[in-house]
Amino acid sequence: MKLRLPGRRDRAAETAPDTSADLTGQLVKAGGKGRPTPKRHEAQGRRPGPPPPPPTTRKEAYARTRQQQAQRRAETRAGMARGDDDYLPARDRGPVRRLVRDLVDSRRNAGSFFLPVAALVLVGYFIPNPAVQNYTVFVWFLFFLVIIVDSVFLGRRIKKTVAARFPGQPQRMKGLVWYGVSRATMVRRWRFPKPEVAVGAEV
């Protein structure tokens, strides 16, 4: 048994490392959140803030309800316009449908001129001239023939691209082709969801 003289320090105790701080730090890390503390501006950006005071009258409550409904409708419409799957109806959701939309929007489709041609044909019907009316009927049938041929080429492209990008996908190819052809018959600026690719872009 080693005796210690009074007033003399133990050199082993002086040279031994102080592990209390390390143990404390390890305990704090073990019981911590496991992620870095967010910055102040990030935390304030996620903070919802205090709730608004309750309405005092029935008119104010009705106005606030209408305002909230209008805000939700605007958010939903904006999400649908940008193609967000969380807001789109079931017929437009999924990467396969998005691919079909991009295939349609990346080309010039004869069906997108349907409304202008239909307006010209309608005007031609009201001109009291048999020659003009016959010419209008010929243009109308010729335009329908062009739409049919263009839709056939579009359908083949949809089938080929979908089969290559999404082999074994569960959706019926006939439904996807009809989805693309129906979109192709709309004017580009009226399509919904809005086109995300430019005409002539590689898809």
Protein backbone atom coordinates (compact mmCIF):
# COMPACT_ATOMS: atom_id res chain seq x y z
CA MET A 1 0.00 0.00 0.00
CA LYS A 2 1.44 3.34 -1.14
CA LEU A 3 1.38 6.14 1.42
CA ARG A 4 0.87 9.73 0.39
CA LEU A 5 2.65 12.47 2.24
CA PRO A 6 0.56 15.42 3.28
CA GLY A 7 0.91 18.49 1.12
CA ARG A 8 2.24 16.48 -1.87
CA ARG A 9 0.17 15.98 -5.05
CA ASP A 10 -0.08 12.77 -6.95
CA ARG A 11 1.78 13.16 -10.25
CA ALA A 12 -0.38 10.48 -11.87
CA ALA A 13 -3.47 12.49 -11.06
CA GLU A 14 -1.87 15.59 -12.54
CA THR A 15 -0.92 13.90 -15.78
CA ALA A 16 -4.20 11.93 -16.20
CA PRO A 17 -6.47 13.50 -18.82
CA ASP A 18 -9.70 15.07 -17.65
CA THR A 19 -12.34 12.82 -19.19
CA SER A 20 -15.32 14.39 -17.45
CA ALA A 21 -15.77 17.00 -20.17
CA ASP A 22 -15.51 14.33 -22.88
CA LEU A 23 -18.05 12.14 -21.14
CA THR A 24 -20.39 15.08 -20.73
CA GLY A 25 -20.10 15.94 -24.39
CA GLN A 26 -20.76 12.35 -25.39
CA LEU A 27 -23.84 12.23 -23.19
CA VAL A 28 -25.14 15.44 -24.70
CA LYS A 29 -24.58 14.10 -28.20
CA ALA A 30 -26.25 10.80 -27.34
CA GLY A 31 -29.30 12.49 -25.96
CA GLY A 32 -29.40 15.28 -28.54
CA LYS A 33 -31.54 15.71 -31.66
CA GLY A 34 -29.05 14.03 -34.00
CA ARG A 35 -29.22 16.98 -36.47
CA PRO A 36 -27.71 20.47 -36.62
CA THR A 37 -29.62 23.28 -35.02
CA PRO A 38 -31.40 25.32 -37.72
CA LYS A 39 -30.38 28.90 -38.26
CA ARG A 40 -32.49 31.67 -36.86
CA HIS A 41 -33.86 32.91 -40.16
CA GLU A 42 -34.73 29.34 -41.21
CA ALA A 43 -36.60 28.69 -37.98
CA GLN A 44 -38.47 31.97 -38.30
CA GLY A 45 -39.38 31.14 -41.90
CA ARG A 46 -40.98 27.86 -40.81
CA ARG A 47 -42.74 29.39 -37.84
CA PRO A 48 -46.45 29.72 -38.60
CA GLY A 49 -46.84 32.76 -36.37
CA PRO A 50 -49.64 33.60 -33.99
CA PRO A 51 -53.16 32.63 -35.10
CA PRO A 52 -55.44 35.47 -36.17
CA PRO A 53 -58.00 36.66 -33.64
CA PRO A 54 -61.42 35.02 -33.93
CA PRO A 55 -64.08 36.92 -35.87
CA THR A 56 -66.36 39.09 -33.80
CA THR A 57 -69.35 39.17 -36.14
CA ARG A 58 -71.04 36.73 -38.47
CA LYS A 59 -70.26 38.95 -41.45
CA GLU A 60 -66.56 38.93 -40.60
CA ALA A 61 -66.56 35.14 -40.20
CA TYR A 62 -68.27 34.73 -43.58
CA ALA A 63 -65.78 37.08 -45.26
CA ARG A 64 -62.83 35.24 -43.71
CA THR A 65 -64.22 31.89 -44.87
CA ARG A 66 -64.62 33.15 -48.41
CA GLN A 67 -61.10 34.53 -48.38
CA GLN A 68 -59.66 31.20 -47.22
CA GLN A 69 -61.63 29.31 -49.85
CA ALA A 70 -60.44 31.67 -52.58
CA GLN A 71 -56.85 31.26 -51.41
CA ARG A 72 -57.14 27.46 -51.49
CA ARG A 73 -58.65 27.57 -54.97
CA ALA A 74 -55.84 29.81 -56.18
CA GLU A 75 -53.22 27.48 -54.70
CA THR A 76 -54.90 24.46 -56.29
CA ARG A 77 -55.12 26.09 -59.69
CA ALA A 78 -51.50 27.23 -59.54
CA GLY A 79 -50.40 23.71 -58.57
CA MET A 80 -52.40 22.21 -61.44
CA ALA A 81 -51.00 24.71 -63.91
CA ARG A 82 -47.40 23.84 -63.03
CA GLY A 83 -48.14 20.09 -63.16
CA ASP A 84 -47.82 19.30 -59.45
CA ASP A 85 -49.14 15.77 -58.87
CA ASP A 86 -50.51 16.78 -55.46
CA TYR A 87 -53.05 19.05 -57.16
CA LEU A 88 -53.69 17.29 -60.47
CA PRO A 89 -56.73 15.08 -61.05
CA ALA A 90 -56.18 11.35 -61.35
CA ARG A 91 -56.15 11.39 -65.17
CA ASP A 92 -53.13 13.73 -65.25
CA ARG A 93 -50.99 12.28 -62.46
CA GLY A 94 -47.83 10.28 -62.74
CA PRO A 95 -44.59 10.39 -64.73
CA VAL A 96 -46.11 8.46 -67.65
CA ARG A 97 -48.83 11.06 -68.21
CA ARG A 98 -46.25 13.82 -67.86
CA LEU A 99 -44.16 12.16 -70.56
CA VAL A 100 -47.17 11.98 -72.88
CA ARG A 101 -47.87 15.68 -72.31
CA ASP A 102 -44.25 16.55 -73.08
CA LEU A 103 -44.35 14.50 -76.28
CA VAL A 104 -47.44 16.37 -77.43
CA ASP A 105 -46.14 19.80 -76.42
CA SER A 106 -42.76 19.32 -78.10
CA ARG A 107 -44.24 19.06 -81.61
CA ARG A 108 -46.56 21.05 -83.84
CA ASN A 109 -49.84 19.18 -84.03
CA ALA A 110 -52.41 19.60 -86.77
CA GLY A 111 -55.18 19.20 -84.21
CA SER A 112 -54.19 22.44 -82.47
CA PHE A 113 -55.48 24.33 -85.53
CA PHE A 114 -58.91 22.74 -85.22
CA LEU A 115 -60.68 25.77 -83.75
CA PRO A 116 -59.31 28.35 -86.25
CA VAL A 117 -60.14 26.11 -89.20
CA ALA A 118 -63.58 25.35 -87.78
CA ALA A 119 -64.24 29.09 -87.45
CA LEU A 120 -63.26 29.67 -91.10
CA VAL A 121 -65.45 26.79 -92.25
CA LEU A 122 -68.38 28.16 -90.28
CA VAL A 123 -67.96 31.54 -91.94
CA GLY A 124 -67.78 29.88 -95.35
CA TYR A 125 -71.10 28.14 -94.77
CA PHE A 126 -72.87 31.49 -94.42
CA ILE A 127 -71.51 32.92 -97.66
CA PRO A 128 -74.32 32.64 -100.25
CA ASN A 129 -72.06 31.27 -102.95
CA PRO A 130 -72.25 27.57 -103.95
CA ALA A 131 -68.62 27.54 -105.11
CA VAL A 132 -67.37 28.91 -101.80
CA GLN A 133 -69.52 26.48 -99.85
CA ASN A 134 -68.25 23.52 -101.85
CA TYR A 135 -64.68 24.67 -101.37
CA THR A 136 -65.34 25.02 -97.64
CA VAL A 137 -66.63 21.45 -97.42
CA PHE A 138 -63.57 20.18 -99.29
CA VAL A 139 -61.20 22.05 -96.94
CA TRP A 140 -63.10 20.69 -93.93
CA PHE A 141 -62.75 17.04 -95.00
CA LEU A 142 -59.14 17.56 -96.04
CA PHE A 143 -58.32 19.01 -92.65
CA PHE A 144 -59.94 16.04 -90.89
CA LEU A 145 -57.81 13.71 -92.99
CA VAL A 146 -54.67 15.61 -91.98
CA ILE A 147 -55.67 15.36 -88.30
CA ILE A 148 -56.17 11.60 -88.59
CA VAL A 149 -52.78 11.06 -90.23
CA ASP A 150 -51.03 13.32 -87.72
CA SER A 151 -52.73 11.54 -84.81
CA VAL A 152 -51.52 8.18 -86.12
CA PHE A 153 -47.92 9.40 -86.13
CA LEU A 154 -48.35 10.92 -82.67
CA GLY A 155 -49.82 7.68 -81.33
CA ARG A 156 -46.89 5.67 -82.66
CA ARG A 157 -44.43 8.04 -81.05
CA ILE A 158 -46.26 7.82 -77.72
CA LYS A 159 -46.28 4.02 -77.79
CA LYS A 160 -42.61 3.78 -78.71
CA THR A 161 -41.38 6.31 -76.16
CA VAL A 162 -43.51 5.06 -73.28
CA ALA A 163 -42.48 1.45 -73.92
CA ALA A 164 -38.82 2.47 -73.89
CA ARG A 165 -38.94 4.75 -70.84
CA PHE A 166 -41.47 2.85 -68.71
CA PRO A 167 -41.44 -0.83 -69.66
CA GLY A 168 -44.12 -2.81 -67.88
CA GLN A 169 -46.10 0.22 -66.72
CA PRO A 170 -49.67 -0.76 -65.78
CA GLN A 171 -51.61 1.85 -67.78
CA ARG A 172 -53.30 0.86 -71.01
CA MET A 173 -51.47 2.13 -74.07
CA LYS A 174 -54.76 2.89 -75.81
CA GLY A 175 -55.76 5.23 -73.03
CA LEU A 176 -52.39 6.98 -73.12
CA VAL A 177 -52.64 7.50 -76.88
CA TRP A 178 -56.14 8.95 -76.55
CA TYR A 179 -54.90 11.19 -73.74
CA GLY A 180 -52.17 12.55 -76.00
CA VAL A 181 -54.38 12.95 -79.08
CA SER A 182 -57.06 14.80 -77.13
CA ARG A 183 -54.42 17.19 -75.78
CA ALA A 184 -53.04 17.69 -79.27
CA THR A 185 -56.42 18.96 -80.50
CA MET A 186 -56.29 21.88 -78.05
CA VAL A 187 -54.67 25.24 -78.71
CA ARG A 188 -51.28 25.28 -77.00
CA ARG A 189 -51.99 28.27 -74.76
CA TRP A 190 -55.23 26.67 -73.54
CA ARG A 191 -53.71 23.32 -72.57
CA PHE A 192 -53.91 22.35 -68.95
CA PRO A 193 -51.59 21.56 -67.25
CA LYS A 194 -49.48 24.19 -68.96
CA PRO A 195 -46.80 22.98 -71.42
CA GLU A 196 -43.40 22.56 -69.75
CA VAL A 197 -41.32 22.03 -72.90
CA ALA A 198 -40.81 24.21 -75.95
CA VAL A 199 -41.79 23.24 -79.48
CA GLY A 200 -38.97 21.25 -81.03
CA ALA A 201 -37.39 20.28 -77.71
CA GLU A 202 -35.91 16.83 -77.22
CA VAL A 203 -38.04 14.68 -74.92
